[in-house]
C-alpha atoms as a PDB file:
ATOM      1  CA  MET A   1      62.394 -83.238  91.131  1.00  0.00           C
ATOM      2  CA  ARG A   2      59.030 -82.124  91.603  1.00  0.00           C
ATOM      3  CA  PRO A   3      56.875 -82.547  88.539  1.00  0.00           C
ATOM      4  CA  ILE A   4      55.870 -79.213  86.856  1.00  0.00           C
ATOM      5  CA  HIS A   5      52.102 -78.826  86.516  1.00  0.00           C
ATOM      6  CA  ASN A   6      50.846 -76.595  83.923  1.00  0.00           C
ATOM      7  CA  HIS A   7      47.284 -75.422  85.370  1.00  0.00           C
ATOM      8  CA  THR A   8      45.001 -74.522  82.404  1.00  0.00           C
ATOM      9  CA  PRO A   9      41.871 -72.773  83.577  1.00  0.00           C
ATOM     10  CA  MET A  10      38.909 -74.820  82.836  1.00  0.00           C
ATOM     11  CA  GLN A  11      36.517 -73.244  80.287  1.00  0.00           C
ATOM     12  CA  GLU A  12      33.154 -72.667  81.947  1.00  0.00           C
ATOM     13  CA  PRO A  13      30.310 -74.510  79.892  1.00  0.00           C
ATOM     14  CA  SER A  14      28.197 -72.289  77.682  1.00  0.00           C
ATOM     15  CA  SER A  15      25.223 -71.007  79.639  1.00  0.00           C
ATOM     16  CA  PRO A  16      21.986 -70.719  77.741  1.00  0.00           C
ATOM     17  CA  MET A  17      20.881 -67.758  79.640  1.00  0.00           C
ATOM     18  CA  LYS A  18      24.125 -65.999  78.470  1.00  0.00           C
ATOM     19  CA  THR A  19      23.401 -66.983  74.837  1.00  0.00           C
ATOM     20  CA  TYR A  20      20.054 -65.485  74.935  1.00  0.00           C
ATOM     21  CA  ALA A  21      21.195 -62.256  76.760  1.00  0.00           C
ATOM     22  CA  LEU A  22      23.662 -61.858  74.018  1.00  0.00           C
ATOM     23  CA  ILE A  23      20.937 -62.495  71.328  1.00  0.00           C
ATOM     24  CA  ALA A  24      18.481 -60.186  73.097  1.00  0.00           C
ATOM     25  CA  GLY A  25      21.321 -57.369  73.235  1.00  0.00           C
ATOM     26  CA  GLY A  26      22.143 -57.639  69.491  1.00  0.00           C
ATOM     27  CA  LEU A  27      18.381 -57.533  68.760  1.00  0.00           C
ATOM     28  CA  LEU A  28      17.999 -54.145  70.907  1.00  0.00           C
ATOM     29  CA  LEU A  29      20.821 -52.636  69.135  1.00  0.00           C
ATOM     30  CA  PHE A  30      19.493 -53.520  65.984  1.00  0.00           C
ATOM     31  CA  GLY A  31      16.130 -52.029  66.718  1.00  0.00           C
ATOM     32  CA  LEU A  32      17.487 -49.065  67.991  1.00  0.00           C
ATOM     33  CA  LEU A  33      19.776 -48.484  64.824  1.00  0.00           C
ATOM     34  CA  VAL A  34      16.558 -49.066  62.636  1.00  0.00           C
ATOM     35  CA  PHE A  35      14.519 -46.791  64.823  1.00  0.00           C
ATOM     36  CA  GLY A  36      17.292 -44.127  64.502  1.00  0.00           C
ATOM     37  CA  LEU A  37      17.275 -44.471  60.692  1.00  0.00           C
ATOM     38  CA  GLU A  38      13.708 -44.196  60.454  1.00  0.00           C
ATOM     39  CA  LYS A  39      13.592 -41.076  62.587  1.00  0.00           C
ATOM     40  CA  LEU A  40      16.272 -39.397  60.446  1.00  0.00           C
ATOM     41  CA  ALA A  41      14.225 -40.190  57.295  1.00  0.00           C
ATOM     42  CA  SER A  42      11.203 -38.942  58.983  1.00  0.00           C
ATOM     43  CA  GLN A  43      12.868 -35.624  59.690  1.00  0.00           C
ATOM     44  CA  ASP A  44      14.146 -35.468  56.145  1.00  0.00           C
ATOM     45  CA  GLU A  45      10.699 -36.064  54.798  1.00  0.00           C
ATOM     46  CA  ASP A  46       9.190 -33.317  57.384  1.00  0.00           C
ATOM     47  CA  LEU A  47      11.825 -31.010  56.188  1.00  0.00           C
ATOM     48  CA  ARG A  48      11.191 -31.437  52.205  1.00  0.00           C
ATOM     49  CA  THR A  49       7.393 -30.950  52.980  1.00  0.00           C
ATOM     50  CA  VAL A  50       8.159 -27.731  54.671  1.00  0.00           C
ATOM     51  CA  THR A  51      10.305 -26.597  51.915  1.00  0.00           C
ATOM     52  CA  THR A  52       8.363 -27.548  48.914  1.00  0.00           C
ATOM     53  CA  GLN A  53       4.819 -27.309  50.252  1.00  0.00           C
ATOM     54  CA  ALA A  54       2.878 -24.439  52.055  1.00  0.00           C
ATOM     55  CA  THR A  55       2.857 -24.300  55.534  1.00  0.00           C
ATOM     56  CA  ALA A  56       1.181 -22.179  58.404  1.00  0.00           C
ATOM     57  CA  ALA A  57       4.151 -20.152  58.499  1.00  0.00           C
ATOM     58  CA  ASP A  58       3.754 -18.797  55.021  1.00  0.00           C
ATOM     59  CA  THR A  59       1.878 -15.464  55.048  1.00  0.00           C
ATOM     60  CA  LYS A  60       2.516 -14.163  51.449  1.00  0.00           C
ATOM     61  CA  ILE A  61      -0.288 -15.752  49.767  1.00  0.00           C
ATOM     62  CA  GLN A  62      -2.938 -15.231  47.026  1.00  0.00           C
ATOM     63  CA  GLY A  63      -5.969 -17.521  46.536  1.00  0.00           C
ATOM     64  CA  LYS A  64      -8.101 -19.413  48.706  1.00  0.00           C
ATOM     65  CA  ALA A  65      -6.675 -21.344  51.519  1.00  0.00           C
ATOM     66  CA  GLU A  66      -8.511 -24.587  50.399  1.00  0.00           C
ATOM     67  CA  ALA A  67      -7.526 -24.360  46.833  1.00  0.00           C
ATOM     68  CA  PRO A  68      -6.468 -28.002  45.606  1.00  0.00           C
ATOM     69  CA  VAL A  69      -3.347 -26.640  43.933  1.00  0.00           C
ATOM     70  CA  THR A  70      -0.604 -24.675  45.272  1.00  0.00           C
ATOM     71  CA  LEU A  71       2.304 -23.112  43.457  1.00  0.00           C
ATOM     72  CA  ILE A  72       5.319 -21.929  45.537  1.00  0.00           C
ATOM     73  CA  GLU A  73       7.718 -19.544  44.319  1.00  0.00           C
ATOM     74  CA  TYR A  74      11.346 -18.769  45.318  1.00  0.00           C
ATOM     75  CA  SER A  75      12.185 -15.452  44.075  1.00  0.00           C
ATOM     76  CA  ASP A  76      14.604 -12.501  44.120  1.00  0.00           C
ATOM     77  CA  PHE A  77      13.417  -8.921  43.621  1.00  0.00           C
ATOM     78  CA  GLN A  78      16.539  -8.122  41.707  1.00  0.00           C
ATOM     79  CA  CYS A  79      16.469 -11.201  39.479  1.00  0.00           C
ATOM     80  CA  PRO A  80      15.462 -10.349  35.729  1.00  0.00           C
ATOM     81  CA  ALA A  81      13.822 -13.616  35.146  1.00  0.00           C
ATOM     82  CA  CYS A  82      11.704 -13.260  38.320  1.00  0.00           C
ATOM     83  CA  ALA A  83      10.511  -9.979  36.952  1.00  0.00           C
ATOM     84  CA  ALA A  84       9.689 -11.572  33.613  1.00  0.00           C
ATOM     85  CA  TYR A  85       7.613 -14.323  35.129  1.00  0.00           C
ATOM     86  CA  ALA A  86       5.785 -11.934  37.715  1.00  0.00           C
ATOM     87  CA  PRO A  87       3.123 -11.024  35.326  1.00  0.00           C
ATOM     88  CA  LEU A  88       2.773 -14.768  34.323  1.00  0.00           C
ATOM     89  CA  VAL A  89       2.150 -15.618  38.005  1.00  0.00           C
ATOM     90  CA  LYS A  90      -0.208 -12.827  38.553  1.00  0.00           C
ATOM     91  CA  ASN A  91      -2.462 -13.964  35.358  1.00  0.00           C
ATOM     92  CA  LEU A  92      -2.470 -17.438  36.981  1.00  0.00           C
ATOM     93  CA  GLY A  93      -3.895 -15.902  40.016  1.00  0.00           C
ATOM     94  CA  GLN A  94      -6.596 -14.045  38.111  1.00  0.00           C
ATOM     95  CA  ASP A  95      -7.082 -17.038  35.857  1.00  0.00           C
ATOM     96  CA  PHE A  96      -7.550 -19.540  38.628  1.00  0.00           C
ATOM     97  CA  PRO A  97      -9.002 -17.723  41.830  1.00  0.00           C
ATOM     98  CA  ASP A  98     -10.905 -20.499  43.339  1.00  0.00           C
ATOM     99  CA  THR A  99      -8.278 -23.437  42.567  1.00  0.00           C
ATOM    100  CA  LEU A 100      -4.939 -21.861  42.586  1.00  0.00           C
ATOM    101  CA  LYS A 101      -3.210 -20.997  45.780  1.00  0.00           C
ATOM    102  CA  ILE A 102       0.299 -18.789  45.096  1.00  0.00           C
ATOM    103  CA  VAL A 103       2.736 -18.905  47.954  1.00  0.00           C
ATOM    104  CA  TYR A 104       5.794 -16.392  47.614  1.00  0.00           C
ATOM    105  CA  ARG A 105       8.976 -17.087  49.407  1.00  0.00           C
ATOM    106  CA  TYR A 106      11.973 -14.711  49.487  1.00  0.00           C
ATOM    107  CA  PHE A 107      15.275 -16.035  47.982  1.00  0.00           C
ATOM    108  CA  PRO A 108      17.705 -13.120  47.584  1.00  0.00           C
ATOM    109  CA  LEU A 109      20.768 -13.981  45.513  1.00  0.00           C
ATOM    110  CA  THR A 110      23.159 -11.749  47.438  1.00  0.00           C
ATOM    111  CA  SER A 111      26.303 -12.935  45.898  1.00  0.00           C
ATOM    112  CA  ILE A 112      25.311 -11.310  42.268  1.00  0.00           C
ATOM    113  CA  HIS A 113      22.674  -9.016  43.644  1.00  0.00           C
ATOM    114  CA  LYS A 114      23.580  -6.238  45.814  1.00  0.00           C
ATOM    115  CA  ASN A 115      20.123  -5.042  46.454  1.00  0.00           C
ATOM    116  CA  ALA A 116      18.336  -8.119  46.664  1.00  0.00           C
ATOM    117  CA  THR A 117      18.209  -8.348  50.655  1.00  0.00           C
ATOM    118  CA  ILE A 118      16.965  -4.734  51.084  1.00  0.00           C
ATOM    119  CA  SER A 119      14.449  -4.954  48.156  1.00  0.00           C
ATOM    120  CA  ALA A 120      13.206  -8.043  50.195  1.00  0.00           C
ATOM    121  CA  LYS A 121      13.203  -5.748  53.295  1.00  0.00           C
ATOM    122  CA  ALA A 122      10.889  -3.211  51.428  1.00  0.00           C
ATOM    123  CA  ALA A 123       8.492  -5.837  50.482  1.00  0.00           C
ATOM    124  CA  GLU A 124       8.535  -7.103  54.039  1.00  0.00           C
ATOM    125  CA  ALA A 125       7.887  -3.725  55.393  1.00  0.00           C
ATOM    126  CA  ALA A 126       4.916  -3.105  52.831  1.00  0.00           C
ATOM    127  CA  HIS A 127       3.687  -6.796  54.132  1.00  0.00           C
ATOM    128  CA  ARG A 128       3.510  -5.473  57.770  1.00  0.00           C
ATOM    129  CA  GLN A 129       0.928  -3.145  56.440  1.00  0.00           C
ATOM    130  CA  GLY A 130      -0.986  -5.702  54.230  1.00  0.00           C
ATOM    131  CA  LYS A 131       0.457  -4.380  50.822  1.00  0.00           C
ATOM    132  CA  PHE A 132       3.089  -7.038  49.914  1.00  0.00           C
ATOM    133  CA  TRP A 133       1.467  -7.867  46.538  1.00  0.00           C
ATOM    134  CA  GLU A 134       1.381  -4.235  45.738  1.00  0.00           C
ATOM    135  CA  MET A 135       5.039  -3.743  46.442  1.00  0.00           C
ATOM    136  CA  GLN A 136       6.159  -6.757  44.968  1.00  0.00           C
ATOM    137  CA  GLU A 137       4.619  -5.616  41.818  1.00  0.00           C
ATOM    138  CA  LEU A 138       6.059  -2.227  41.719  1.00  0.00           C
ATOM    139  CA  LEU A 139       9.534  -3.649  42.581  1.00  0.00           C
ATOM    140  CA  PHE A 140       9.530  -5.856  39.614  1.00  0.00           C
ATOM    141  CA  GLN A 141       7.936  -3.294  37.279  1.00  0.00           C
ATOM    142  CA  HIS A 142      10.765  -0.731  38.154  1.00  0.00           C
ATOM    143  CA  GLN A 143      13.516  -3.227  38.614  1.00  0.00           C
ATOM    144  CA  ASN A 144      15.989  -1.359  36.082  1.00  0.00           C
ATOM    145  CA  ASP A 145      15.469   1.776  38.196  1.00  0.00           C
ATOM    146  CA  TRP A 146      16.774   0.634  41.692  1.00  0.00           C
ATOM    147  CA  ALA A 147      18.644  -2.779  40.756  1.00  0.00           C
ATOM    148  CA  LYS A 148      22.126  -0.971  40.598  1.00  0.00           C
ATOM    149  CA  SER A 149      21.385   1.904  42.612  1.00  0.00           C
ATOM    150  CA  GLU A 150      23.865   2.757  45.584  1.00  0.00           C
ATOM    151  CA  ASN A 151      21.014   3.889  47.506  1.00  0.00           C
ATOM    152  CA  PRO A 152      17.576   2.326  46.643  1.00  0.00           C
ATOM    153  CA  THR A 153      15.768   3.429  49.467  1.00  0.00           C
ATOM    154  CA  ASP A 154      14.335   6.467  47.977  1.00  0.00           C
ATOM    155  CA  SER A 155      13.076   4.311  45.231  1.00  0.00           C
ATOM    156  CA  PHE A 156      11.215   1.974  47.868  1.00  0.00           C
ATOM    157  CA  GLN A 157       9.739   4.924  49.662  1.00  0.00           C
ATOM    158  CA  SER A 158       8.277   6.336  46.535  1.00  0.00           C
ATOM    159  CA  TYR A 159       6.632   2.891  45.919  1.00  0.00           C
ATOM    160  CA  ALA A 160       5.419   2.968  49.590  1.00  0.00           C
ATOM    161  CA  GLN A 161       3.864   6.317  49.115  1.00  0.00           C
ATOM    162  CA  ALA A 162       2.231   5.159  45.727  1.00  0.00           C
ATOM    163  CA  ILE A 163       0.496   2.104  47.179  1.00  0.00           C
ATOM    164  CA  GLY A 164      -0.816   4.015  49.943  1.00  0.00           C
ATOM    165  CA  LEU A 165       1.699   3.038  52.872  1.00  0.00           C
ATOM    166  CA  ASN A 166       2.288   4.944  56.270  1.00  0.00           C
ATOM    167  CA  ILE A 167       5.679   6.169  55.393  1.00  0.00           C
ATOM    168  CA  ASP A 168       7.082   6.583  58.869  1.00  0.00           C
ATOM    169  CA  GLN A 169       5.852   3.046  59.953  1.00  0.00           C
ATOM    170  CA  PHE A 170       7.470   1.777  56.717  1.00  0.00           C
ATOM    171  CA  ASN A 171      10.782   3.416  57.279  1.00  0.00           C
ATOM    172  CA  ALA A 172      10.751   2.596  60.939  1.00  0.00           C
ATOM    173  CA  ASP A 173      10.106  -1.131  59.681  1.00  0.00           C
ATOM    174  CA  MET A 174      12.894  -1.053  57.243  1.00  0.00           C
ATOM    175  CA  GLN A 175      15.247  -0.424  60.469  1.00  0.00           C
ATOM    176  CA  ASP A 176      13.693  -2.985  62.466  1.00  0.00           C
ATOM    177  CA  ALA A 177      16.198  -5.929  63.049  1.00  0.00           C
ATOM    178  CA  SER A 178      13.408  -8.466  62.941  1.00  0.00           C
ATOM    179  CA  ILE A 179      12.651  -7.441  59.487  1.00  0.00           C
ATOM    180  CA  ILE A 180      15.315  -9.922  57.994  1.00  0.00           C
ATOM    181  CA  ASP A 181      13.863 -12.751  60.001  1.00  0.00           C
ATOM    182  CA  PRO A 182      11.072 -14.093  57.431  1.00  0.00           C
ATOM    183  CA  ILE A 183      13.512 -13.422  54.548  1.00  0.00           C
ATOM    184  CA  LYS A 184      16.302 -15.569  56.151  1.00  0.00           C
ATOM    185  CA  SER A 185      13.495 -18.260  57.138  1.00  0.00           C
ATOM    186  CA  ASP A 186      12.643 -18.425  53.430  1.00  0.00           C
ATOM    187  CA  GLU A 187      16.108 -18.291  52.205  1.00  0.00           C
ATOM    188  CA  ALA A 188      17.136 -21.291  54.425  1.00  0.00           C
ATOM    189  CA  MET A 189      13.977 -23.556  53.228  1.00  0.00           C
ATOM    190  CA  GLY A 190      14.992 -22.490  49.583  1.00  0.00           C
ATOM    191  CA  SER A 191      18.524 -23.699  50.453  1.00  0.00           C
ATOM    192  CA  GLU A 192      17.118 -27.127  51.878  1.00  0.00           C
ATOM    193  CA  ALA A 193      15.218 -27.566  48.789  1.00  0.00           C
ATOM    194  CA  ASN A 194      18.166 -27.383  46.684  1.00  0.00           C
ATOM    195  CA  ILE A 195      16.578 -25.038  44.346  1.00  0.00           C
ATOM    196  CA  PRO A 196      19.061 -24.315  41.451  1.00  0.00           C
ATOM    197  CA  GLY A 197      18.362 -20.456  40.878  1.00  0.00           C
ATOM    198  CA  THR A 198      15.527 -17.949  40.732  1.00  0.00           C
ATOM    199  CA  PRO A 199      12.652 -18.182  39.842  1.00  0.00           C
ATOM    200  CA  SER A 200      12.051 -21.738  41.293  1.00  0.00           C
ATOM    201  CA  PHE A 201       8.433 -23.085  41.414  1.00  0.00           C
ATOM    202  CA  PHE A 202       7.052 -26.248  43.053  1.00  0.00           C
ATOM    203  CA  LEU A 203       3.697 -27.282  42.097  1.00  0.00           C
ATOM    204  CA  ASN A 204       1.809 -29.228  44.691  1.00  0.00           C
ATOM    205  CA  GLY A 205       5.265 -29.942  46.300  1.00  0.00           C
ATOM    206  CA  LYS A 206       6.947 -31.112  43.258  1.00  0.00           C
ATOM    207  CA  LYS A 207       9.672 -28.767  41.239  1.00  0.00           C
ATOM    208  CA  ILE A 208       8.764 -28.126  37.828  1.00  0.00           C
ATOM    209  CA  GLU A 209      10.804 -26.824  35.040  1.00  0.00           C
ATOM    210  CA  ASN A 210      10.228 -23.274  34.409  1.00  0.00           C
ATOM    211  CA  PRO A 211       7.421 -23.038  31.626  1.00  0.00           C
ATOM    212  CA  GLU A 212       8.466 -21.296  28.446  1.00  0.00           C
ATOM    213  CA  ASP A 213       5.374 -19.033  28.253  1.00  0.00           C
ATOM    214  CA  TYR A 214       1.984 -18.362  29.773  1.00  0.00           C
ATOM    215  CA  GLU A 215      -0.023 -20.855  27.854  1.00  0.00           C
ATOM    216  CA  ALA A 216       2.648 -23.581  29.094  1.00  0.00           C
ATOM    217  CA  PHE A 217       2.389 -22.513  32.547  1.00  0.00           C
ATOM    218  CA  LYS A 218      -1.419 -22.443  32.303  1.00  0.00           C
ATOM    219  CA  LYS A 219      -1.507 -25.917  31.068  1.00  0.00           C
ATOM    220  CA  LEU A 220       0.531 -27.223  33.936  1.00  0.00           C
ATOM    221  CA  ILE A 221      -1.982 -25.740  36.329  1.00  0.00           C
ATOM    222  CA  GLU A 222      -4.908 -27.011  34.463  1.00  0.00           C
ATOM    223  CA  ASP A 223      -3.312 -30.568  34.502  1.00  0.00           C
ATOM    224  CA  GLU A 224      -2.699 -30.465  38.315  1.00  0.00           C
ATOM    225  CA  ILE A 225      -6.276 -29.341  38.940  1.00  0.00           C
ATOM    226  CA  ALA A 226      -7.727 -32.204  36.723  1.00  0.00           C
ATOM    227  CA  LYS A 227      -5.576 -34.644  38.776  1.00  0.00           C
ATOM    228  CA  THR A 228      -6.857 -33.371  42.346  1.00  0.00           C
ATOM    229  CA  SER A 229     -10.653 -32.812  40.981  1.00  0.00           C
ATOM    230  CA  PRO A 230     -11.379 -34.217  37.670  1.00  0.00           C
ATOM    231  CA  ALA A 231     -14.759 -32.324  37.668  1.00  0.00           C
ATOM    232  CA  GLN A 232     -12.753 -29.119  37.834  1.00  0.00           C
ATOM    233  CA  GLY A 233     -10.274 -29.963  35.114  1.00  0.00           C
ATOM    234  CA  THR A 234     -12.064 -28.002  32.413  1.00  0.00           C
ATOM    235  CA  GLU A 235     -12.399 -24.940  34.487  1.00  0.00           C
ATOM    236  CA  ASN A 236     -11.173 -21.688  32.923  1.00  0.00           C
ATOM    237  CA  LYS A 237     -10.061 -23.595  29.660  1.00  0.00           C
END
């Protein structure tokens, strides 16, 4: 009988070059993973900055562009609490004309306020004629008159006339499909910022609890001014 031979393939000796290649490949994969995570974190940080701080896209602004303190408000015109805070925010703008910049952003709560979006459209139509803040004030002052109306357009037209808008242009803008774009943009930023409701305020990029009265609100602004420029901390006290 012929002997049976079991042939076992010979193991090739480990090559230093292969070892180095494996190590280099692992390091490359690790580097790509770290880079990807850092990029995602950077994108999240960029998004947080956009949603909580003023940007070039913001156009509904009161105060000086170079003011050291910025107050961003996410608001709904049919929200009773927003109407209650509107005079306080207006007074802040008057008391701190040089050191406070106020930014308004739409955040219509359409699930509970049926006229939230159309009222925002009325404000945006007024904004196209340079009268946003005048319309904003009237919408809040007369909130009870239009909030539950089946056809609030008549009320909005009367406010437009009261502040001297071109009514034909106002009506045309109300029907313009693009009028919703800045409203949706603000709404998306508010959602990304995880705001709990309206009004929601961000003071120099940080979410604040809604102050209980004007003096408490004013104190927050004064404290923030003092942080940014101690020499101005006593202004308007």
